[in-house]
Structures are given as C-alpha cells and as structure tokens.
PDB file of N, CA and C in Angstrom:
ATOM      1  N   MET A   1      20.039 -70.118 -17.068  1.00  0.00           N
ATOM      2  CA  MET A   1      21.328 -69.605 -16.639  1.00  0.00           C
ATOM      3  C   MET A   1      22.312 -69.626 -17.798  1.00  0.00           C
ATOM      4  N   THR A   2      23.326 -68.818 -17.697  1.00  0.00           N
ATOM      5  CA  THR A   2      24.351 -68.680 -18.711  1.00  0.00           C
ATOM      6  C   THR A   2      25.599 -69.412 -18.257  1.00  0.00           C
ATOM      7  N   LYS A   3      26.184 -70.212 -19.158  1.00  0.00           N
ATOM      8  CA  LYS A   3      27.363 -70.984 -18.792  1.00  0.00           C
ATOM      9  C   LYS A   3      28.539 -70.593 -19.678  1.00  0.00           C
ATOM     10  N   LEU A   4      29.668 -70.329 -19.039  1.00  0.00           N
ATOM     11  CA  LEU A   4      30.886 -69.940 -19.728  1.00  0.00           C
ATOM     12  C   LEU A   4      31.924 -71.047 -19.666  1.00  0.00           C
ATOM     13  N   TYR A   5      32.684 -71.178 -20.745  1.00  0.00           N
ATOM     14  CA  TYR A   5      33.878 -72.018 -20.772  1.00  0.00           C
ATOM     15  C   TYR A   5      35.052 -71.091 -20.479  1.00  0.00           C
ATOM     16  N   VAL A   6      35.927 -71.494 -19.571  1.00  0.00           N
ATOM     17  CA  VAL A   6      37.105 -70.699 -19.245  1.00  0.00           C
ATOM     18  C   VAL A   6      38.331 -71.591 -19.455  1.00  0.00           C
ATOM     19  N   GLY A   7      39.147 -71.236 -20.431  1.00  0.00           N
ATOM     20  CA  GLY A   7      40.328 -72.027 -20.763  1.00  0.00           C
ATOM     21  C   GLY A   7      41.613 -71.326 -20.392  1.00  0.00           C
ATOM     22  N   ASN A   8      42.703 -72.070 -20.425  1.00  0.00           N
ATOM     23  CA  ASN A   8      44.055 -71.617 -20.086  1.00  0.00           C
ATOM     24  C   ASN A   8      44.176 -71.247 -18.609  1.00  0.00           C
ATOM     25  N   LEU A   9      43.420 -71.961 -17.770  1.00  0.00           N
ATOM     26  CA  LEU A   9      43.512 -71.738 -16.327  1.00  0.00           C
ATOM     27  C   LEU A   9      44.848 -72.252 -15.806  1.00  0.00           C
ATOM     28  N   PRO A  10      45.395 -71.587 -14.799  1.00  0.00           N
ATOM     29  CA  PRO A  10      46.607 -72.127 -14.173  1.00  0.00           C
ATOM     30  C   PRO A  10      46.264 -73.455 -13.479  1.00  0.00           C
ATOM     31  N   HIS A  11      47.222 -74.337 -13.390  1.00  0.00           N
ATOM     32  CA  HIS A  11      46.959 -75.652 -12.783  1.00  0.00           C
ATOM     33  C   HIS A  11      46.695 -75.563 -11.284  1.00  0.00           C
ATOM     34  N   SER A  12      46.968 -74.413 -10.692  1.00  0.00           N
ATOM     35  CA  SER A  12      46.677 -74.219  -9.274  1.00  0.00           C
ATOM     36  C   SER A  12      45.245 -73.733  -9.038  1.00  0.00           C
ATOM     37  N   ALA A  13      44.493 -73.500 -10.116  1.00  0.00           N
ATOM     38  CA  ALA A  13      43.121 -72.973  -9.990  1.00  0.00           C
ATOM     39  C   ALA A  13      42.214 -73.964  -9.267  1.00  0.00           C
ATOM     40  N   THR A  14      41.309 -73.423  -8.463  1.00  0.00           N
ATOM     41  CA  THR A  14      40.304 -74.221  -7.758  1.00  0.00           C
ATOM     42  C   THR A  14      38.930 -73.667  -8.106  1.00  0.00           C
ATOM     43  N   ASP A  15      37.892 -74.407  -7.730  1.00  0.00           N
ATOM     44  CA  ASP A  15      36.532 -73.933  -7.955  1.00  0.00           C
ATOM     45  C   ASP A  15      36.337 -72.561  -7.317  1.00  0.00           C
ATOM     46  N   SER A  16      36.808 -72.407  -6.092  1.00  0.00           N
ATOM     47  CA  SER A  16      36.594 -71.138  -5.394  1.00  0.00           C
ATOM     48  C   SER A  16      37.434 -70.004  -5.976  1.00  0.00           C
ATOM     49  N   SER A  17      38.666 -70.281  -6.421  1.00  0.00           N
ATOM     50  CA  SER A  17      39.471 -69.203  -7.011  1.00  0.00           C
ATOM     51  C   SER A  17      38.882 -68.760  -8.347  1.00  0.00           C
ATOM     52  N   LEU A  18      38.317 -69.685  -9.118  1.00  0.00           N
ATOM     53  CA  LEU A  18      37.659 -69.332 -10.371  1.00  0.00           C
ATOM     54  C   LEU A  18      36.402 -68.513 -10.100  1.00  0.00           C
ATOM     55  N   SER A  19      35.625 -68.935  -9.146  1.00  0.00           N
ATOM     56  CA  SER A  19      34.418 -68.199  -8.766  1.00  0.00           C
ATOM     57  C   SER A  19      34.772 -66.796  -8.285  1.00  0.00           C
ATOM     58  N   ASP A  20      35.784 -66.684  -7.436  1.00  0.00           N
ATOM     59  CA  ASP A  20      36.216 -65.381  -6.922  1.00  0.00           C
ATOM     60  C   ASP A  20      36.679 -64.463  -8.045  1.00  0.00           C
ATOM     61  N   PHE A  21      37.423 -65.009  -9.001  1.00  0.00           N
ATOM     62  CA  PHE A  21      37.932 -64.220 -10.116  1.00  0.00           C
ATOM     63  C   PHE A  21      36.775 -63.604 -10.912  1.00  0.00           C
ATOM     64  N   VAL A  22      35.768 -64.416 -11.239  1.00  0.00           N
ATOM     65  CA  VAL A  22      34.634 -63.930 -12.032  1.00  0.00           C
ATOM     66  C   VAL A  22      33.785 -62.958 -11.215  1.00  0.00           C
ATOM     67  N   THR A  23      33.598 -63.246  -9.945  1.00  0.00           N
ATOM     68  CA  THR A  23      32.847 -62.350  -9.059  1.00  0.00           C
ATOM     69  C   THR A  23      33.548 -60.998  -8.940  1.00  0.00           C
ATOM     70  N   ASN A  24      34.861 -61.009  -8.765  1.00  0.00           N
ATOM     71  CA  ASN A  24      35.635 -59.773  -8.649  1.00  0.00           C
ATOM     72  C   ASN A  24      35.618 -58.956  -9.935  1.00  0.00           C
ATOM     73  N   ALA A  25      35.324 -59.613 -11.064  1.00  0.00           N
ATOM     74  CA  ALA A  25      35.214 -58.907 -12.344  1.00  0.00           C
ATOM     75  C   ALA A  25      33.837 -58.265 -12.505  1.00  0.00           C
ATOM     76  N   GLY A  26      32.949 -58.489 -11.524  1.00  0.00           N
ATOM     77  CA  GLY A  26      31.654 -57.825 -11.535  1.00  0.00           C
ATOM     78  C   GLY A  26      30.480 -58.668 -11.983  1.00  0.00           C
ATOM     79  N   PHE A  27      30.635 -59.989 -12.011  1.00  0.00           N
ATOM     80  CA  PHE A  27      29.549 -60.869 -12.446  1.00  0.00           C
ATOM     81  C   PHE A  27      29.050 -61.711 -11.283  1.00  0.00           C
ATOM     82  N   LYS A  28      27.764 -62.063 -11.324  1.00  0.00           N
ATOM     83  CA  LYS A  28      27.169 -62.898 -10.281  1.00  0.00           C
ATOM     84  C   LYS A  28      27.313 -64.364 -10.677  1.00  0.00           C
ATOM     85  N   VAL A  29      27.996 -65.123  -9.845  1.00  0.00           N
ATOM     86  CA  VAL A  29      28.294 -66.524 -10.139  1.00  0.00           C
ATOM     87  C   VAL A  29      27.316 -67.433  -9.404  1.00  0.00           C
ATOM     88  N   ALA A  30      26.684 -68.336 -10.152  1.00  0.00           N
ATOM     89  CA  ALA A  30      25.828 -69.356  -9.546  1.00  0.00           C
ATOM     90  C   ALA A  30      26.667 -70.570  -9.147  1.00  0.00           C
ATOM     91  N   SER A  31      27.641 -70.941  -9.993  1.00  0.00           N
ATOM     92  CA  SER A  31      28.548 -72.049  -9.687  1.00  0.00           C
ATOM     93  C   SER A  31      29.783 -71.941 -10.566  1.00  0.00           C
ATOM     94  N   ALA A  32      30.862 -72.543 -10.104  1.00  0.00           N
ATOM     95  CA  ALA A  32      32.109 -72.590 -10.869  1.00  0.00           C
ATOM     96  C   ALA A  32      32.768 -73.936 -10.616  1.00  0.00           C
ATOM     97  N   SER A  33      33.286 -74.535 -11.672  1.00  0.00           N
ATOM     98  CA  SER A  33      33.986 -75.807 -11.485  1.00  0.00           C
ATOM     99  C   SER A  33      35.192 -75.887 -12.403  1.00  0.00           C
ATOM    100  N   VAL A  34      36.316 -76.241 -11.815  1.00  0.00           N
ATOM    101  CA  VAL A  34      37.549 -76.486 -12.551  1.00  0.00           C
ATOM    102  C   VAL A  34      37.577 -77.974 -12.838  1.00  0.00           C
ATOM    103  N   ILE A  35      37.788 -78.338 -14.098  1.00  0.00           N
ATOM    104  CA  ILE A  35      37.790 -79.748 -14.489  1.00  0.00           C
ATOM    105  C   ILE A  35      39.134 -80.360 -14.105  1.00  0.00           C
ATOM    106  N   LYS A  36      39.053 -81.535 -13.481  1.00  0.00           N
ATOM    107  CA  LYS A  36      40.257 -82.208 -12.971  1.00  0.00           C
ATOM    108  C   LYS A  36      40.457 -83.549 -13.654  1.00  0.00           C
ATOM    109  N   ASP A  37      41.706 -83.953 -13.747  1.00  0.00           N
ATOM    110  CA  ASP A  37      42.061 -85.260 -14.281  1.00  0.00           C
ATOM    111  C   ASP A  37      41.532 -86.340 -13.350  1.00  0.00           C
ATOM    112  N   LYS A  38      40.878 -87.344 -13.899  1.00  0.00           N
ATOM    113  CA  LYS A  38      40.278 -88.395 -13.070  1.00  0.00           C
ATOM    114  C   LYS A  38      41.313 -89.216 -12.317  1.00  0.00           C
ATOM    115  N   LEU A  39      42.479 -89.411 -12.921  1.00  0.00           N
ATOM    116  CA  LEU A  39      43.498 -90.243 -12.282  1.00  0.00           C
ATOM    117  C   LEU A  39      44.333 -89.488 -11.259  1.00  0.00           C
ATOM    118  N   THR A  40      44.778 -88.280 -11.627  1.00  0.00           N
ATOM    119  CA  THR A  40      45.696 -87.552 -10.752  1.00  0.00           C
ATOM    120  C   THR A  40      45.013 -86.527  -9.858  1.00  0.00           C
ATOM    121  N   GLY A  41      43.823 -86.070 -10.250  1.00  0.00           N
ATOM    122  CA  GLY A  41      43.134 -85.038  -9.489  1.00  0.00           C
ATOM    123  C   GLY A  41      43.657 -83.637  -9.768  1.00  0.00           C
ATOM    124  N   ALA A  42      44.628 -83.521 -10.693  1.00  0.00           N
ATOM    125  CA  ALA A  42      45.195 -82.215 -11.042  1.00  0.00           C
ATOM    126  C   ALA A  42      44.258 -81.467 -11.979  1.00  0.00           C
ATOM    127  N   ALA A  43      44.240 -80.149 -11.856  1.00  0.00           N
ATOM    128  CA  ALA A  43      43.420 -79.329 -12.745  1.00  0.00           C
ATOM    129  C   ALA A  43      43.893 -79.514 -14.182  1.00  0.00           C
ATOM    130  N   ARG A  44      42.931 -79.602 -15.115  1.00  0.00           N
ATOM    131  CA  ARG A  44      43.257 -79.839 -16.519  1.00  0.00           C
ATOM    132  C   ARG A  44      43.424 -78.558 -17.325  1.00  0.00           C
ATOM    133  N   GLY A  45      43.274 -77.401 -16.690  1.00  0.00           N
ATOM    134  CA  GLY A  45      43.515 -76.141 -17.383  1.00  0.00           C
ATOM    135  C   GLY A  45      42.277 -75.472 -17.948  1.00  0.00           C
ATOM    136  N   PHE A  46      41.105 -76.010 -17.627  1.00  0.00           N
ATOM    137  CA  PHE A  46      39.879 -75.356 -18.051  1.00  0.00           C
ATOM    138  C   PHE A  46      38.770 -75.626 -17.057  1.00  0.00           C
ATOM    139  N   GLY A  47      37.711 -74.848 -17.167  1.00  0.00           N
ATOM    140  CA  GLY A  47      36.584 -75.010 -16.258  1.00  0.00           C
ATOM    141  C   GLY A  47      35.351 -74.325 -16.812  1.00  0.00           C
ATOM    142  N   PHE A  48      34.290 -74.343 -16.025  1.00  0.00           N
ATOM    143  CA  PHE A  48      33.015 -73.770 -16.420  1.00  0.00           C
ATOM    144  C   PHE A  48      32.476 -72.907 -15.295  1.00  0.00           C
ATOM    145  N   VAL A  49      31.860 -71.801 -15.687  1.00  0.00           N
ATOM    146  CA  VAL A  49      31.246 -70.899 -14.725  1.00  0.00           C
ATOM    147  C   VAL A  49      29.807 -70.683 -15.160  1.00  0.00           C
ATOM    148  N   GLU A  50      28.895 -70.931 -14.239  1.00  0.00           N
ATOM    149  CA  GLU A  50      27.486 -70.682 -14.500  1.00  0.00           C
ATOM    150  C   GLU A  50      27.132 -69.350 -13.855  1.00  0.00           C
ATOM    151  N   LEU A  51      26.692 -68.414 -14.691  1.00  0.00           N
ATOM    152  CA  LEU A  51      26.324 -67.091 -14.211  1.00  0.00           C
ATOM    153  C   LEU A  51      24.850 -67.064 -13.844  1.00  0.00           C
ATOM    154  N   SER A  52      24.477 -66.129 -12.984  1.00  0.00           N
ATOM    155  CA  SER A  52      23.073 -65.960 -12.627  1.00  0.00           C
ATOM    156  C   SER A  52      22.270 -65.589 -13.864  1.00  0.00           C
ATOM    157  N   GLU A  53      20.984 -65.865 -13.830  1.00  0.00           N
ATOM    158  CA  GLU A  53      20.124 -65.677 -15.000  1.00  0.00           C
ATOM    159  C   GLU A  53      20.130 -64.263 -15.555  1.00  0.00           C
ATOM    160  N   ASP A  54      20.289 -63.272 -14.714  1.00  0.00           N
ATOM    161  CA  ASP A  54      20.198 -61.899 -15.190  1.00  0.00           C
ATOM    162  C   ASP A  54      21.493 -61.392 -15.819  1.00  0.00           C
ATOM    163  N   GLU A  55      22.515 -62.231 -15.899  1.00  0.00           N
ATOM    164  CA  GLU A  55      23.782 -61.812 -16.477  1.00  0.00           C
ATOM    165  C   GLU A  55      23.743 -61.893 -18.004  1.00  0.00           C
ATOM    166  N   ASP A  56      24.432 -60.967 -18.648  1.00  0.00           N
ATOM    167  CA  ASP A  56      24.526 -60.910 -20.096  1.00  0.00           C
ATOM    168  C   ASP A  56      25.737 -61.708 -20.562  1.00  0.00           C
ATOM    169  N   LEU A  57      25.501 -62.725 -21.382  1.00  0.00           N
ATOM    170  CA  LEU A  57      26.560 -63.608 -21.855  1.00  0.00           C
ATOM    171  C   LEU A  57      27.645 -62.845 -22.605  1.00  0.00           C
ATOM    172  N   GLN A  58      27.253 -62.032 -23.569  1.00  0.00           N
ATOM    173  CA  GLN A  58      28.244 -61.315 -24.376  1.00  0.00           C
ATOM    174  C   GLN A  58      29.073 -60.359 -23.536  1.00  0.00           C
ATOM    175  N   ARG A  59      28.458 -59.705 -22.588  1.00  0.00           N
ATOM    176  CA  ARG A  59      29.189 -58.790 -21.709  1.00  0.00           C
ATOM    177  C   ARG A  59      30.219 -59.569 -20.887  1.00  0.00           C
ATOM    178  N   ALA A  60      29.842 -60.752 -20.434  1.00  0.00           N
ATOM    179  CA  ALA A  60      30.763 -61.577 -19.652  1.00  0.00           C
ATOM    180  C   ALA A  60      31.931 -62.068 -20.509  1.00  0.00           C
ATOM    181  N   VAL A  61      31.634 -62.549 -21.721  1.00  0.00           N
ATOM    182  CA  VAL A  61      32.698 -63.029 -22.608  1.00  0.00           C
ATOM    183  C   VAL A  61      33.656 -61.886 -22.929  1.00  0.00           C
ATOM    184  N   THR A  62      33.105 -60.745 -23.309  1.00  0.00           N
ATOM    185  CA  THR A  62      33.933 -59.589 -23.649  1.00  0.00           C
ATOM    186  C   THR A  62      34.744 -59.105 -22.451  1.00  0.00           C
ATOM    187  N   GLY A  63      34.130 -59.090 -21.285  1.00  0.00           N
ATOM    188  CA  GLY A  63      34.805 -58.592 -20.095  1.00  0.00           C
ATOM    189  C   GLY A  63      35.866 -59.511 -19.532  1.00  0.00           C
ATOM    190  N   LEU A  64      35.727 -60.817 -19.753  1.00  0.00           N
ATOM    191  CA  LEU A  64      36.653 -61.781 -19.142  1.00  0.00           C
ATOM    192  C   LEU A  64      37.693 -62.344 -20.107  1.00  0.00           C
ATOM    193  N   ASN A  65      37.366 -62.444 -21.385  1.00  0.00           N
ATOM    194  CA  ASN A  65      38.291 -63.032 -22.354  1.00  0.00           C
ATOM    195  C   ASN A  65      39.578 -62.205 -22.416  1.00  0.00           C
ATOM    196  N   GLY A  66      40.711 -62.884 -22.270  1.00  0.00           N
ATOM    197  CA  GLY A  66      42.005 -62.225 -22.318  1.00  0.00           C
ATOM    198  C   GLY A  66      42.484 -61.692 -20.978  1.00  0.00           C
ATOM    199  N   GLN A  67      41.612 -61.704 -19.962  1.00  0.00           N
ATOM    200  CA  GLN A  67      42.028 -61.257 -18.633  1.00  0.00           C
ATOM    201  C   GLN A  67      43.050 -62.243 -18.073  1.00  0.00           C
ATOM    202  N   SER A  68      43.891 -61.760 -17.191  1.00  0.00           N
ATOM    203  CA  SER A  68      44.971 -62.577 -16.644  1.00  0.00           C
ATOM    204  C   SER A  68      44.610 -63.122 -15.265  1.00  0.00           C
ATOM    205  N   LEU A  69      44.856 -64.411 -15.083  1.00  0.00           N
ATOM    206  CA  LEU A  69      44.715 -65.063 -13.780  1.00  0.00           C
ATOM    207  C   LEU A  69      46.031 -65.771 -13.504  1.00  0.00           C
ATOM    208  N   GLU A  70      46.723 -65.335 -12.467  1.00  0.00           N
ATOM    209  CA  GLU A  70      48.039 -65.884 -12.108  1.00  0.00           C
ATOM    210  C   GLU A  70      48.988 -65.881 -13.300  1.00  0.00           C
ATOM    211  N   GLY A  71      48.961 -64.781 -14.065  1.00  0.00           N
ATOM    212  CA  GLY A  71      49.881 -64.624 -15.181  1.00  0.00           C
ATOM    213  C   GLY A  71      49.482 -65.324 -16.463  1.00  0.00           C
ATOM    214  N   ARG A  72      48.301 -65.923 -16.506  1.00  0.00           N
ATOM    215  CA  ARG A  72      47.857 -66.618 -17.714  1.00  0.00           C
ATOM    216  C   ARG A  72      46.650 -65.905 -18.307  1.00  0.00           C
ATOM    217  N   ALA A  73      46.732 -65.601 -19.596  1.00  0.00           N
ATOM    218  CA  ALA A  73      45.623 -64.946 -20.293  1.00  0.00           C
ATOM    219  C   ALA A  73      44.524 -65.979 -20.542  1.00  0.00           C
ATOM    220  N   LEU A  74      43.338 -65.722 -20.017  1.00  0.00           N
ATOM    221  CA  LEU A  74      42.241 -66.677 -20.111  1.00  0.00           C
ATOM    222  C   LEU A  74      41.527 -66.602 -21.453  1.00  0.00           C
ATOM    223  N   THR A  75      41.005 -67.732 -21.880  1.00  0.00           N
ATOM    224  CA  THR A  75      40.138 -67.820 -23.050  1.00  0.00           C
ATOM    225  C   THR A  75      38.734 -68.065 -22.523  1.00  0.00           C
ATOM    226  N   VAL A  76      37.823 -67.152 -22.816  1.00  0.00           N
ATOM    227  CA  VAL A  76      36.459 -67.267 -22.306  1.00  0.00           C
ATOM    228  C   VAL A  76      35.487 -67.236 -23.484  1.00  0.00           C
ATOM    229  N   ASN A  77      34.624 -68.231 -23.527  1.00  0.00           N
ATOM    230  CA  ASN A  77      33.602 -68.354 -24.562  1.00  0.00           C
ATOM    231  C   ASN A  77      32.318 -68.877 -23.941  1.00  0.00           C
ATOM    232  N   GLU A  78      31.249 -68.847 -24.721  1.00  0.00           N
ATOM    233  CA  GLU A  78      30.013 -69.496 -24.292  1.00  0.00           C
ATOM    234  C   GLU A  78      30.263 -71.000 -24.285  1.00  0.00           C
ATOM    235  N   ALA A  79      29.849 -71.668 -23.229  1.00  0.00           N
ATOM    236  CA  ALA A  79      30.008 -73.121 -23.150  1.00  0.00           C
ATOM    237  C   ALA A  79      29.028 -73.774 -24.116  1.00  0.00           C
ATOM    238  N   ARG A  80      29.489 -74.811 -24.787  1.00  0.00           N
ATOM    239  CA  ARG A  80      28.647 -75.563 -25.715  1.00  0.00           C
ATOM    240  C   ARG A  80      28.357 -76.933 -25.119  1.00  0.00           C
ATOM    241  N   PRO A  81      27.231 -77.531 -25.501  1.00  0.00           N
ATOM    242  CA  PRO A  81      26.939 -78.876 -24.990  1.00  0.00           C
ATOM    243  C   PRO A  81      28.045 -79.854 -25.380  1.00  0.00           C
ATOM    244  N   ALA A  82      28.285 -80.808 -24.521  1.00  0.00           N
ATOM    245  CA  ALA A  82      29.332 -81.802 -24.772  1.00  0.00           C
ATOM    246  C   ALA A  82      28.983 -82.644 -25.987  1.00  0.00           C
ATOM    247  N   ARG A  83      30.008 -82.956 -26.760  1.00  0.00           N
ATOM    248  CA  ARG A  83      29.816 -83.853 -27.898  1.00  0.00           C
ATOM    249  C   ARG A  83      29.879 -85.290 -27.405  1.00  0.00           C
ATOM    250  N   THR A  84      29.131 -86.158 -28.064  1.00  0.00           N
ATOM    251  CA  THR A  84      29.206 -87.563 -27.684  1.00  0.00           C
ATOM    252  C   THR A  84      30.479 -88.145 -28.264  1.00  0.00           C
ATOM    253  N   GLY A  85      31.104 -89.004 -27.529  1.00  0.00           N
ATOM    254  CA  GLY A  85      32.362 -89.573 -27.973  1.00  0.00           C
ATOM    255  C   GLY A  85      32.170 -90.922 -28.640  1.00  0.00           C
ATOM    256  N   GLY A  86      33.250 -91.426 -29.118  1.00  0.00           N
ATOM    257  CA  GLY A  86      33.236 -92.761 -29.692  1.00  0.00           C
ATOM    258  C   GLY A  86      32.890 -92.768 -31.169  1.00  0.00           C
ATOM    259  N   PHE A  87      32.793 -93.946 -31.691  1.00  0.00           N
ATOM    260  CA  PHE A  87      32.486 -94.135 -33.096  1.00  0.00           C
ATOM    261  C   PHE A  87      31.031 -94.522 -33.231  1.00  0.00           C
ATOM    262  N   SER A  88      30.446 -94.176 -34.361  1.00  0.00           N
ATOM    263  CA  SER A  88      29.092 -94.648 -34.628  1.00  0.00           C
ATOM    264  C   SER A  88      29.138 -95.524 -35.858  1.00  0.00           C
ATOM    265  N   ALA A  89      28.346 -96.552 -35.845  1.00  0.00           N
ATOM    266  CA  ALA A  89      28.304 -97.467 -36.979  1.00  0.00           C
ATOM    267  C   ALA A  89      27.368 -96.899 -38.025  1.00  0.00           C
ATOM    268  N   LYS A  90      27.671 -97.182 -39.272  1.00  0.00           N
ATOM    269  CA  LYS A  90      26.757 -96.793 -40.342  1.00  0.00           C
ATOM    270  C   LYS A  90      26.238 -98.060 -41.003  1.00  0.00           C
ATOM    271  N   ARG A  91      25.069 -97.988 -41.533  1.00  0.00           N
ATOM    272  CA  ARG A  91      24.473 -99.164 -42.169  1.00  0.00           C
ATOM    273  C   ARG A  91      24.720 -99.099 -43.669  1.00  0.00           C
ATOM    274  N   ASN A  92      25.120-100.236 -44.235  1.00  0.00           N
ATOM    275  CA  ASN A  92      25.267-100.274 -45.677  1.00  0.00           C
ATOM    276  C   ASN A  92      23.946-100.740 -46.296  1.00  0.00           C
ATOM    277  N   GLY A  93      23.894-100.900 -47.602  1.00  0.00           N
ATOM    278  CA  GLY A  93      22.651-101.236 -48.295  1.00  0.00           C
ATOM    279  C   GLY A  93      22.028-102.543 -47.852  1.00  0.00           C
ATOM    280  N   SER A  94      22.798-103.467 -47.305  1.00  0.00           N
ATOM    281  CA  SER A  94      22.251-104.763 -46.903  1.00  0.00           C
ATOM    282  C   SER A  94      21.656-104.730 -45.499  1.00  0.00           C
ATOM    283  N   GLY A  95      21.744-103.575 -44.840  1.00  0.00           N
ATOM    284  CA  GLY A  95      21.225-103.482 -43.483  1.00  0.00           C
ATOM    285  C   GLY A  95      22.241-103.861 -42.430  1.00  0.00           C
ATOM    286  N   ARG A  96      23.415-104.312 -42.880  1.00  0.00           N
ATOM    287  CA  ARG A  96      24.472-104.666 -41.934  1.00  0.00           C
ATOM    288  C   ARG A  96      25.271-103.433 -41.581  1.00  0.00           C
ATOM    289  N   GLU A  97      25.833-103.450 -40.407  1.00  0.00           N
ATOM    290  CA  GLU A  97      26.660-102.338 -39.993  1.00  0.00           C
ATOM    291  C   GLU A  97      28.026-102.458 -40.622  1.00  0.00           C
ATOM    292  N   SER A  98      28.562-101.328 -41.038  1.00  0.00           N
ATOM    293  CA  SER A  98      29.926-101.312 -41.570  1.00  0.00           C
ATOM    294  C   SER A  98      30.638-100.131 -40.936  1.00  0.00           C
ATOM    295  N   GLY A  99      31.905-100.029 -41.204  1.00  0.00           N
ATOM    296  CA  GLY A  99      32.662 -98.909 -40.641  1.00  0.00           C
ATOM    297  C   GLY A  99      33.389 -99.330 -39.393  1.00  0.00           C
ATOM    298  N   GLY A 100      33.795 -98.363 -38.633  1.00  0.00           N
ATOM    299  CA  GLY A 100      34.600 -98.629 -37.461  1.00  0.00           C
ATOM    300  C   GLY A 100      36.024 -98.225 -37.738  1.00  0.00           C
ATOM    301  N   TYR A 101      36.843 -98.304 -36.773  1.00  0.00           N
ATOM    302  CA  TYR A 101      38.217 -97.852 -36.897  1.00  0.00           C
ATOM    303  C   TYR A 101      38.991 -98.755 -37.850  1.00  0.00           C
ATOM    304  N   GLY A 102      39.572 -98.147 -38.897  1.00  0.00           N
ATOM    305  CA  GLY A 102      40.426 -98.878 -39.822  1.00  0.00           C
ATOM    306  C   GLY A 102      39.693 -99.723 -40.837  1.00  0.00           C
ATOM    307  N   ARG A 103      38.371 -99.590 -40.920  1.00  0.00           N
ATOM    308  CA  ARG A 103      37.613-100.386 -41.892  1.00  0.00           C
ATOM    309  C   ARG A 103      36.716 -99.465 -42.707  1.00  0.00           C
ATOM    310  N   ASP A 104      36.429 -99.876 -43.927  1.00  0.00           N
ATOM    311  CA  ASP A 104      35.486 -99.126 -44.772  1.00  0.00           C
ATOM    312  C   ASP A 104      34.333 -99.987 -45.179  1.00  0.00           C
TER     313      ASP A 104
END
C-alpha cells in the first residue's frame, strides 16, 4: 500500500474528514489518521493516508499537494519511516561509551 503524509491540516480535521477529502479527490483510501496530541487530544496539524494498492503515489502527491481544506493549503508528500529518537552513544578507542548531551 501507498502511504501519504498530509501536513498543514486544520486543527478541526478528523480521521473521517481527511479520508473524505482524499476520496472526494478521486483516490481510494484504505485508512486515514490525523495525529493528535497525547495530552490534549487536539489535532497536531498533520496526518497520514494509506491509499489502496492500485493507487499511483506520484499522481496522488501531485493531485493533492497544495489543495485547500478548510482554507488551508495542504502539504502532501510520500510518508517516510519514522526516525528513531533520542541520543546514541558512541564508543571511543578504549571501548567505553562517550558522548551524550553536552559532553564530548
């Protein structure tokens, strides 16, 4: 399946409104999710849409990028795998770990 990142969503966006928007643009949606703040539950302004397997990624990006949803021009790109967060330790010549925040 093809997964899209959709940015600059209005804070009133829901999973179903995002799905409806992409469906109304002529694409088959397998799932849509608006990312929400863990503490407040408010939409964070971006989400992901998984298109059906037979959908063309480039056609979807070209067709949806810059389109307006509730007065906001959307940013649409291919979704990329999440990066791992945090710091990683590096080993110096003695085999000990060095590095970390504020240290060399």
